[in-house]
Protein backbone atom coordinates (compact mmCIF):
# COMPACT_ATOMS: atom_id res chain seq x y z
CA MET A 1 -132.42 -2.50 78.35
CA SER A 2 -133.85 0.67 79.78
CA PRO A 3 -132.95 3.51 77.40
CA ASP A 4 -132.04 5.93 80.15
CA LEU A 5 -129.46 3.81 82.00
CA THR A 6 -131.42 3.56 85.27
CA ARG A 7 -129.08 3.56 88.25
CA ARG A 8 -130.90 0.82 90.14
CA GLU A 9 -132.05 -2.30 88.31
CA VAL A 10 -133.64 -4.85 90.59
CA LEU A 11 -132.08 -8.27 90.30
CA ARG A 12 -135.23 -10.36 90.02
CA GLY A 13 -135.22 -13.37 92.25
CA CYS A 14 -131.74 -12.68 93.52
CA ALA A 15 -131.03 -9.82 95.83
CA LEU A 16 -129.30 -12.63 97.58
CA ALA A 17 -126.11 -14.34 98.18
CA ALA A 18 -122.62 -13.06 97.93
CA GLY A 19 -120.95 -16.28 99.04
CA ALA A 20 -118.84 -18.32 96.70
CA THR A 21 -119.91 -21.89 97.54
CA LEU A 22 -118.03 -24.16 95.17
CA LEU A 23 -119.97 -26.23 92.69
CA SER A 24 -119.81 -29.99 92.76
CA ARG A 25 -117.75 -31.74 90.13
CA GLY A 26 -121.00 -32.83 88.48
CA ALA A 27 -122.26 -29.26 88.16
CA ILE A 28 -118.97 -28.08 86.70
CA ALA A 29 -119.10 -30.94 84.22
CA GLN A 30 -122.65 -29.95 83.28
CA ALA A 31 -121.56 -26.37 82.62
CA ALA A 32 -118.68 -27.61 80.51
CA THR A 33 -121.07 -29.82 78.50
CA VAL A 34 -123.21 -26.80 77.73
CA GLN A 35 -120.07 -24.91 76.71
CA ASP A 36 -119.05 -27.70 74.33
CA ALA A 37 -122.50 -27.80 72.74
CA VAL A 38 -122.63 -24.16 71.64
CA GLY A 39 -121.08 -22.22 68.82
CA SER A 40 -122.15 -24.35 65.87
CA THR A 41 -120.57 -23.65 62.51
CA ASN A 42 -123.77 -22.09 61.18
CA ALA A 43 -124.18 -19.81 64.17
CA ARG A 44 -120.55 -18.67 63.92
CA ALA A 45 -120.97 -17.90 60.24
CA THR A 46 -124.12 -15.90 60.95
CA LEU A 47 -122.35 -14.07 63.75
CA ALA A 48 -119.57 -13.04 61.37
CA GLU A 49 -122.14 -11.65 58.92
CA LEU A 50 -124.01 -9.71 61.58
CA LEU A 51 -120.81 -8.35 63.11
CA ALA A 52 -119.81 -7.04 59.69
CA ARG A 53 -123.21 -5.36 59.39
CA ASN A 54 -122.87 -3.75 62.80
CA ARG A 55 -119.46 -2.35 61.88
CA GLN A 56 -121.35 -0.05 59.54
CA ARG A 57 -123.08 1.50 62.57
CA ASP A 58 -122.10 4.09 65.14
CA PRO A 59 -120.73 2.55 68.37
CA GLU A 60 -123.15 4.83 70.23
CA TYR A 61 -126.72 6.05 69.94
CA GLY A 62 -129.23 8.04 71.94
CA GLY A 63 -126.90 10.66 73.36
CA GLY A 64 -124.08 8.49 74.66
CA LEU A 65 -125.54 4.99 75.05
CA SER A 66 -123.37 2.18 73.74
CA ASN A 67 -124.30 0.08 70.74
CA HIS A 68 -124.49 -3.38 72.31
CA MET A 69 -125.28 -5.31 69.13
CA SER A 70 -121.90 -6.98 68.60
CA MET A 71 -121.51 -7.81 72.29
CA ALA A 72 -125.01 -9.27 72.66
CA LEU A 73 -124.73 -11.32 69.47
CA GLY A 74 -121.41 -12.78 70.61
CA ALA A 75 -122.92 -13.68 73.96
CA LEU A 76 -125.96 -15.27 72.30
CA VAL A 77 -123.75 -17.49 70.15
CA ASP A 78 -121.76 -18.68 73.15
CA LEU A 79 -124.98 -19.36 75.04
CA GLY A 80 -126.15 -21.60 72.18
CA ALA A 81 -128.53 -19.39 70.19
CA SER A 82 -129.66 -20.57 66.78
CA THR A 83 -128.99 -18.71 63.56
CA GLU A 84 -132.67 -17.77 63.45
CA ARG A 85 -132.51 -16.25 66.91
CA LEU A 86 -129.39 -14.25 66.02
CA LYS A 87 -131.07 -12.80 62.95
CA GLN A 88 -134.24 -12.06 64.91
CA PHE A 89 -132.34 -10.25 67.64
CA GLU A 90 -130.39 -8.19 65.12
CA GLU A 91 -133.55 -7.20 63.25
CA ARG A 92 -135.38 -6.16 66.42
CA HIS A 93 -132.58 -4.02 67.80
CA ALA A 94 -131.06 -2.46 64.68
CA GLY A 95 -133.75 0.18 64.26
CA ARG A 96 -132.51 2.42 67.05
CA LEU A 97 -128.92 2.43 65.80
CA ARG A 98 -127.44 4.89 63.33
CA PRO A 99 -124.78 4.73 60.63
CA LEU A 100 -121.10 4.95 61.45
CA PRO A 101 -120.20 8.64 61.22
CA THR A 102 -117.85 9.97 58.62
CA GLY A 103 -115.42 12.85 58.73
CA GLY A 104 -113.97 13.90 62.05
CA PRO A 105 -110.36 14.87 62.66
CA PRO A 106 -107.70 13.02 60.69
CA VAL A 107 -105.89 10.28 62.61
CA ALA A 108 -102.38 9.30 61.60
CA ALA A 109 -101.39 5.67 61.94
CA ASP A 110 -98.16 6.60 63.69
CA ASP A 111 -99.84 9.11 66.00
CA TRP A 112 -103.25 7.60 66.79
CA ARG A 113 -102.61 7.97 70.52
CA ALA A 114 -103.06 11.73 70.09
CA ALA A 115 -106.73 11.01 69.34
CA ILE A 116 -107.38 9.13 72.60
CA GLY A 117 -110.42 10.57 74.33
CA GLN A 118 -111.73 12.34 71.21
CA HIS A 119 -115.16 10.92 70.44
CA ASP A 120 -115.39 12.60 67.04
CA ALA A 121 -112.21 10.76 66.04
CA VAL A 122 -114.03 7.41 65.80
CA PRO A 123 -114.01 7.31 61.96
CA GLY A 124 -110.28 8.01 61.79
CA LEU A 125 -109.48 5.56 64.57
CA VAL A 126 -111.54 2.87 62.82
CA GLN A 127 -109.54 3.38 59.64
CA VAL A 128 -106.22 3.19 61.49
CA PHE A 129 -107.08 0.03 63.43
CA GLU A 130 -108.72 -1.70 60.46
CA ALA A 131 -105.60 -1.11 58.39
CA ALA A 132 -103.40 -2.33 61.25
CA VAL A 133 -105.23 -5.62 61.81
CA ARG A 134 -105.36 -6.31 58.07
CA GLU A 135 -101.62 -5.85 57.87
CA ARG A 136 -100.49 -7.42 61.14
CA GLY A 137 -103.38 -9.40 62.64
CA ARG A 138 -105.27 -8.74 65.86
CA GLU A 139 -102.76 -10.04 68.40
CA PRO A 140 -99.83 -7.69 67.58
CA VAL A 141 -102.25 -4.77 67.32
CA LEU A 142 -103.74 -5.56 70.71
CA ARG A 143 -100.32 -5.80 72.33
CA ASP A 144 -99.33 -2.48 70.81
CA ALA A 145 -102.56 -0.61 71.64
CA LEU A 146 -103.57 -1.83 75.07
CA PRO A 147 -100.85 -0.12 77.14
CA ALA A 148 -102.18 3.24 75.92
CA LEU A 149 -105.83 2.29 76.43
CA VAL A 150 -105.77 0.51 79.79
CA PRO A 151 -105.58 3.73 81.87
CA GLY A 152 -108.95 4.84 80.45
CA LEU A 153 -110.70 1.46 80.43
CA GLY A 154 -113.67 2.74 82.45
CA GLY A 155 -114.73 5.15 79.70
CA ALA A 156 -118.23 4.69 78.27
CA ALA A 157 -119.06 2.49 81.28
CA PHE A 158 -116.32 0.00 80.30
CA HIS A 159 -117.97 -0.73 76.94
CA GLY A 160 -114.86 -0.18 74.80
CA LEU A 161 -113.12 -2.85 76.85
CA ILE A 162 -116.14 -5.16 76.77
CA ARG A 163 -116.69 -4.82 73.02
CA THR A 164 -113.02 -5.51 72.38
CA ALA A 165 -113.17 -8.63 74.56
CA TYR A 166 -116.16 -10.00 72.69
CA ALA A 167 -114.33 -9.39 69.42
CA VAL A 168 -111.35 -11.32 70.78
CA ARG A 169 -113.62 -14.17 71.79
CA ALA A 170 -115.18 -14.17 68.31
CA GLU A 171 -111.67 -14.19 66.78
CA ASP A 172 -112.78 -11.40 64.45
CA ASP A 173 -109.91 -9.08 63.49
CA LEU A 174 -112.05 -6.27 62.14
CA ASP A 175 -114.34 -6.32 65.14
CA VAL A 176 -111.24 -6.04 67.33
CA ALA A 177 -110.35 -2.93 65.31
CA HIS A 178 -113.76 -1.39 65.98
CA GLY A 179 -113.61 -2.28 69.66
CA LEU A 180 -110.22 -0.63 70.01
CA ALA A 181 -111.39 2.45 68.09
CA TYR A 182 -114.37 2.89 70.41
CA TRP A 183 -112.21 2.25 73.48
CA ALA A 184 -109.72 4.87 72.33
CA ALA A 185 -112.36 7.45 71.48
CA ARG A 186 -114.11 7.11 74.84
CA SER A 187 -111.05 6.53 77.00
CA ALA A 188 -111.51 8.25 80.35
CA PRO A 189 -108.46 8.10 82.65
CA LEU A 190 -109.24 8.76 86.30
CA GLY A 191 -105.89 10.20 87.30
CA LEU A 192 -102.44 8.85 87.97
CA LEU A 193 -102.23 5.69 90.03
CA ALA A 194 -101.17 6.67 93.52
CA GLU A 195 -99.05 4.40 95.71
CA SER A 196 -101.10 4.16 98.88
CA ALA A 197 -99.23 3.73 102.15
CA ALA A 198 -101.93 1.39 103.47
CA ARG A 199 -102.22 -1.29 100.80
CA ASP A 200 -104.41 -4.38 101.05
CA ALA A 201 -104.72 -7.44 98.79
CA ASP A 202 -108.42 -7.94 99.66
CA PRO A 203 -110.79 -5.97 97.38
CA ARG A 204 -113.69 -6.47 99.79
CA ALA A 205 -111.69 -4.91 102.61
CA LEU A 206 -110.88 -1.95 100.38
CA LEU A 207 -114.55 -1.46 99.56
CA GLU A 208 -115.28 -1.42 103.28
CA ARG A 209 -112.56 1.19 103.68
CA VAL A 210 -114.31 3.35 101.08
CA ARG A 211 -117.64 2.90 102.89
CA ALA A 212 -116.04 4.08 106.12
CA ASP A 213 -114.51 7.20 104.56
CA GLU A 214 -116.88 10.14 104.97
CA ARG A 215 -115.17 11.92 102.09
CA LEU A 216 -116.23 9.15 99.70
CA ALA A 217 -119.19 7.28 101.18
CA ARG A 218 -122.88 7.75 100.42
CA LYS A 219 -122.37 10.50 97.88
CA SER A 220 -125.05 11.37 95.36
CA PHE A 221 -124.32 12.43 91.81
CA PRO A 222 -126.46 14.04 89.09
CA GLY A 223 -127.63 10.68 87.74
CA GLY A 224 -126.29 10.98 84.21
CA LEU A 225 -124.27 8.33 82.47
CA ILE A 226 -122.22 5.87 84.49
CA SER A 227 -118.97 7.39 83.23
CA ASP A 228 -120.04 10.84 84.37
CA ASP A 229 -120.55 9.57 87.92
CA MET A 230 -117.19 7.77 87.83
CA LEU A 231 -115.39 10.95 86.81
CA ALA A 232 -117.15 12.88 89.58
CA ALA A 233 -116.20 10.22 92.11
CA ALA A 234 -112.57 10.31 91.01
CA ALA A 235 -112.46 14.04 91.70
CA LEU A 236 -113.35 13.60 95.39
CA PRO A 237 -110.70 14.19 98.07
CA GLY A 238 -109.20 10.91 99.20
CA PHE A 239 -110.09 8.99 96.05
CA ALA A 240 -106.56 8.61 94.73
CA ASP A 241 -105.31 7.09 97.97
CA VAL A 242 -107.98 4.42 98.30
CA ALA A 243 -108.10 3.70 94.56
CA GLY A 244 -104.35 3.03 94.62
CA ALA A 245 -104.44 0.82 97.69
CA LEU A 246 -104.83 -2.58 96.03
CA ASP A 247 -101.79 -4.76 96.68
CA VAL A 248 -101.76 -6.69 93.41
CA GLN A 249 -101.13 -10.41 93.75
CA ALA A 250 -101.31 -13.34 91.33
CA ASP A 251 -104.95 -13.95 92.27
CA SER A 252 -106.05 -10.31 92.35
CA LEU A 253 -108.29 -10.52 89.29
CA ASP A 254 -110.04 -13.57 90.76
CA ARG A 255 -110.59 -11.71 94.02
CA ILE A 256 -111.90 -8.65 92.20
CA ALA A 257 -114.26 -10.82 90.15
CA ARG A 258 -115.78 -12.35 93.26
CA ALA A 259 -116.05 -8.97 94.98
CA MET A 260 -117.89 -7.47 92.01
CA LEU A 261 -120.17 -10.50 91.77
CA ALA A 262 -120.98 -10.12 95.47
CA LEU A 263 -121.67 -6.41 94.96
CA TYR A 264 -124.11 -7.14 92.16
CA ALA A 265 -125.77 -10.03 94.02
CA SER A 266 -126.28 -7.75 97.02
CA THR A 267 -127.67 -4.76 95.15
CA GLY A 268 -128.86 -5.66 91.66
CA ASP A 269 -127.37 -2.34 90.66
CA PHE A 270 -126.98 -1.51 86.97
CA THR A 271 -123.48 -0.10 87.41
CA ALA A 272 -122.48 -3.15 89.46
CA LEU A 273 -123.59 -5.33 86.53
CA HIS A 274 -120.98 -3.55 84.40
CA ALA A 275 -118.39 -4.17 87.11
CA VAL A 276 -119.02 -7.91 86.67
CA THR A 277 -118.98 -7.95 82.87
CA SER A 278 -115.98 -5.63 82.59
CA THR A 279 -113.92 -7.78 84.94
CA HIS A 280 -114.57 -10.78 82.71
CA ALA A 281 -113.64 -8.63 79.70
CA LEU A 282 -110.33 -7.70 81.28
CA ARG A 283 -109.57 -11.38 81.84
CA VAL A 284 -110.19 -12.02 78.12
CA VAL A 285 -107.80 -9.33 76.91
CA MET A 286 -105.21 -9.81 79.66
CA PRO A 287 -102.99 -12.14 77.59
CA PHE A 288 -102.28 -9.18 75.30
CA VAL A 289 -101.43 -6.71 78.08
CA PRO A 290 -97.68 -6.35 78.68
CA ASP A 291 -97.99 -5.03 82.26
CA ARG A 292 -100.76 -7.09 83.82
CA ALA A 293 -100.30 -5.73 87.34
CA GLU A 294 -100.77 -2.20 86.06
CA ALA A 295 -103.91 -3.27 84.18
CA VAL A 296 -105.38 -4.75 87.36
CA ARG A 297 -104.58 -1.56 89.26
CA HIS A 298 -106.25 0.63 86.64
CA HIS A 299 -109.28 -1.65 86.61
CA TRP A 300 -109.52 -1.46 90.38
CA GLN A 301 -109.25 2.33 90.19
CA ALA A 302 -112.21 2.41 87.79
CA LEU A 303 -114.24 -0.05 89.85
CA THR A 304 -113.62 2.04 92.97
CA ALA A 305 -114.97 5.08 91.15
CA ALA A 306 -117.98 3.07 90.01
CA TYR A 307 -118.63 1.89 93.57
CA ILE A 308 -118.51 5.44 94.90
CA GLY A 309 -120.75 6.50 92.02
CA ILE A 310 -123.55 4.22 93.20
CA GLY A 311 -123.38 5.43 96.79
CA THR A 312 -121.06 2.80 98.36
CA PRO A 313 -123.81 0.26 99.18
CA ALA A 314 -123.27 -2.49 101.73
CA ILE A 315 -122.31 -5.94 100.47
CA SER A 316 -124.12 -8.80 102.19
CA GLU A 317 -123.10 -12.43 102.07
CA PRO A 318 -125.90 -14.92 102.77
CA GLU A 319 -125.42 -18.50 101.63
CA ALA A 320 -126.04 -19.18 97.95
CA PRO A 321 -128.98 -21.52 97.25
CA GLU A 322 -128.78 -24.43 94.83
CA PRO A 323 -129.00 -22.94 91.33
CA PRO A 324 -131.07 -24.37 88.46
CA PRO A 325 -129.30 -26.12 85.57
CA TRP A 326 -127.30 -23.93 83.22
CA ALA A 327 -129.26 -25.22 80.24
CA ALA A 328 -132.43 -23.69 81.68
CA ILE A 329 -130.69 -20.42 82.51
CA ALA A 330 -129.17 -20.16 79.03
CA GLU A 331 -132.53 -20.87 77.40
CA ARG A 332 -134.12 -17.94 79.25
CA ALA A 333 -131.21 -15.64 78.41
CA ILE A 334 -131.34 -16.53 74.71
CA ALA A 335 -135.02 -15.59 74.65
CA SER A 336 -134.38 -12.25 76.35
CA GLU A 337 -134.43 -8.96 74.46
CA ASP A 338 -132.32 -7.27 77.16
CA GLU A 339 -128.70 -6.97 76.03
CA HIS A 340 -127.46 -6.63 79.59
CA THR A 341 -129.25 -9.78 80.70
CA ILE A 342 -127.71 -11.72 77.80
CA LYS A 343 -124.22 -10.42 78.52
CA LEU A 344 -124.46 -10.97 82.28
CA VAL A 345 -125.62 -14.57 81.92
CA ASP A 346 -122.88 -15.27 79.39
CA THR A 347 -120.29 -13.65 81.65
CA CYS A 348 -121.45 -15.61 84.69
CA ARG A 349 -121.25 -18.89 82.82
CA GLN A 350 -117.80 -18.14 81.45
CA GLU A 351 -116.50 -17.00 84.83
CA GLN A 352 -117.93 -20.02 86.62
CA LEU A 353 -116.18 -22.32 84.18
CA THR A 354 -112.95 -20.51 84.99
CA ARG A 355 -113.28 -19.94 88.72
CA GLY A 356 -116.07 -22.12 90.06
CA GLY A 357 -118.56 -20.85 92.58
CA ALA A 358 -122.32 -21.43 92.73
CA LEU A 359 -123.06 -17.72 93.05
CA TYR A 360 -122.41 -17.16 89.35
CA ALA A 361 -125.27 -19.50 88.45
CA VAL A 362 -127.48 -18.04 91.20
CA VAL A 363 -126.99 -14.51 89.90
CA ALA A 364 -127.60 -15.58 86.29
CA ALA A 365 -130.73 -17.48 87.27
CA GLY A 366 -132.06 -14.53 89.25
CA ARG A 367 -131.47 -12.23 86.33
CA VAL A 368 -133.64 -14.36 84.04
CA GLY A 369 -136.32 -14.95 86.68
CA LEU A 370 -135.56 -18.54 87.66
């Protein structure tokens, strides 16, 4: 990963298709076979050890960049990495990370919501959530916490949400606690959800509406962190109306997923990559969200801000070519030292298994240079 969060990463081999040509039954079966082959007992045990080690580290480093260790390791396991590769990756990337801070303001278990948005409250939030999952288990804690955290899910470029989702996938209670603590500390609400008079169920149509709005389109921002640009975008006149215009339906998250995949395939943009991985993350935690329609609306609000933050680029839709086998894509991703490449490939494979669509494999293959 580039240490300065470059706003434009070129998607090697794939500034291509945004179509969603369905895979053949044989290709879906192949992907499922790869899925069944990963996650050996030894790799899962090693993952648990390395996750515990990373819980001793700060969830951020380098002036606001997210610690991706737990997320990347979880993705590597699900892609089929060996125990040796997991240990190698951890050793190579641990040097830039720093210890989990101590001190900070006290956080009461019955009033932890008062610490939402306070980054220096990470130590106290960790203590509260660790105690909660030890006492009650991860699922009740998730159901209790997520309603308060969903409105700020775009904070830290969605990484609190994404880390929590990987912890859920790993079925690791204490890692869930750390994901929730980071999510809470970096929560960044973008304003109340407005009820737009001109609602639309099609996310792509809403993105086109943003592109056509001179108050929102083709804006430039200082070029800091992704979250900074999102907050600036949310402050623009007209943002609340268009960000609240999604008419949520049963298939809204599927539609959003395909729209974000198309955005990334068209642009190769670094922020758009996070739009893809965060949408998968929301799907993972959605079973623990009491009000799922509200969660989708808040996610769309954050994605709209992210889209404005990258200058409202056009989304093209050429036909997707035939992708290479998933085994070859996964092999390249496992060998990568780029956390975002690893997470994107893992996300694409998981989403394709859920939704179908050749573009997921095309994007993943392009990312690893196939």
